[in-house]
Amino acid sequence: DSKMASINPPILHTLDGIVSETTRYKALTEKFKELYNEEPTFFARAPGRVNIIGEHVDYCGYPVLPMAIDKDSIVAVKIHPEQNQIKLANLQSDRFPPRTFPKNYDEIVIDKTIHEWSNYFMAGYKGILEHPELQIKNPVGFNAIVSGTVPIGSGLSSSSALVCSSALATLHANGKTLPKRDLAELCASCEHYVGVQGGGMDQAISYLAEKGKASKIEFHPIRATILTLPEGSTFFVANSLVESNKYVTSGTCYNMRVVECRLAAMLLAKYLNMDWKSVRILADVQNKGNYSLEQMLEHVKRYLHVTPYSPLEISKELGIDEQSLRDSSIEPVKGDVFHLHPRALHVYLESKLVKDFADLCNKPSYEGILKDLGKLMDQSHFSCRDNYDCSCPELDQITEICRSAGAYGSRLTGAGWGGCTVSLIPPGSSQTFFEKVRDEYYAKQKPEALKIINDVLFSSTPESGAFVYQLS
């Protein structure tokens, strides 16, 4: 579907048939009047997502299978061409105080050592200004308010939704357009301003999603294949309420896994007699050797030992000194213990599960197809838990509860170490499923969540990707 990726995000003049709930847009307009004494002229909206299957494979070069959800980030904007700054506020002002920053590119400083909400907005803003083809030499000033409904630290991409909506708002305010794919790639690279080495899935689905469909997203270049889920597919998201913050855990967890996969790829390439210096990601090894995923799983078992590696051992195997290995492939991650066998095993296994899931969706439907899709989701969770070590006791517990409440399959979603789970449940079982999970997990483990139960446990259908809503 490369033509989908090459069209621009839509500019809508009505929300009819697109958004079932317009009260947030009205609330944003009211707040705008109260704060700035004027009404916004447009809204830029980008959704969060739930990844159905394919965890920690995007930055290794493999496809993922997410869908956009109805929780999103909306930016309301009023342009003031002569104003020298961007005035920024958030509907949740007690948690995210108002900020002002200069509109000119070279005056914007993003301090990635502090965890600050406006950094994500500035990352999207700055990314648009530095895009070579847009040539925005004299950007406009504007006033903006952000409203986000993606739960923070839940693994549903609250930060990427904010970056994507900010970039789209900045683009539209300056009278420019870009294809969805370019925006997705630009926003994926902007996240380095806030210190995260993501793989690009979150931004791709935020722009490329289609209502009612999941997407198989591939990388280098970004492209989306629209997948029709079998009739009756019902997904439920359950938040473990263990906050998983990519930014805070990036050195020990998220970025550490990126490095472990890179080192595994280099060693596998060496053992398979390839030019390992030209290999950075696990997909490179498969592509250069023209192997199947099944063959790659055999190679991992044959060549990488199950026990951890030290930087010294890896550098000896590659025939380079330890410091140059650290400089080229490990920095800025700190560590001396690298688990290469289980990480590579997970990536190739998970990528096979994504392929199997997409293949099933493309086949004619049959009795029991949902059960088979569920089994793939379960296998994915077990690999995340056992091979990738990115689960946590609460995620294991909640997926167990979901299975015993009738789910065909249940897995952590969105990086792990806390955050959310996604379950595929039998059609028509939403109410009983909801009650069982509420009573078994939330009432017993997180009673404080019962007041906000519909924000932490909810069914989800695939929503549309990012758009601009232009007021007449």
Foldseek 3Di string as FASTA:
>chain_A
DVVLQFAWFAAAQDCPPADPDCVVVVVQQVVCCVPPVDGFQWKWKFFFKWFLFAFPQLLQFFKTKIFTFPFIKMKGKHWDQVDQWAWEAEPPCVVAPTDIAGLAQVRDAQDLVDDHLCSLLVLLSNLLCPDVVVPPHRFIYMYMYMYGQQDALQLRPRSLRNSLRSNVVRQVSRPHIGGLQVSLVSSQVSCVSNPANDNRPRSSNQRSHAFQWMWTWGPPPTDTDTFHAPPQWWKKKFFLPPRHHCSVCVQPAVVLLLLLQQLLCLLLCVVVVHPSVVGRHNVVSCVVVVHALVVQLVSLVPRPDQAWAFLCVSCVSVVHHSVVCCVPRNPPHDDGTHRNSLSSNLNSLSSVLRVVLRVLRPDPDDPCSQLVNQVSQQVNQVSCVPRSVQEDVSQVVLQVQLVVLAFSHKHRTRRYPGHMMMTTHGRPSVVSSLVSSCVPRCVPPPVVCVVVSCSRIHMTGGHGHMYMHGHD
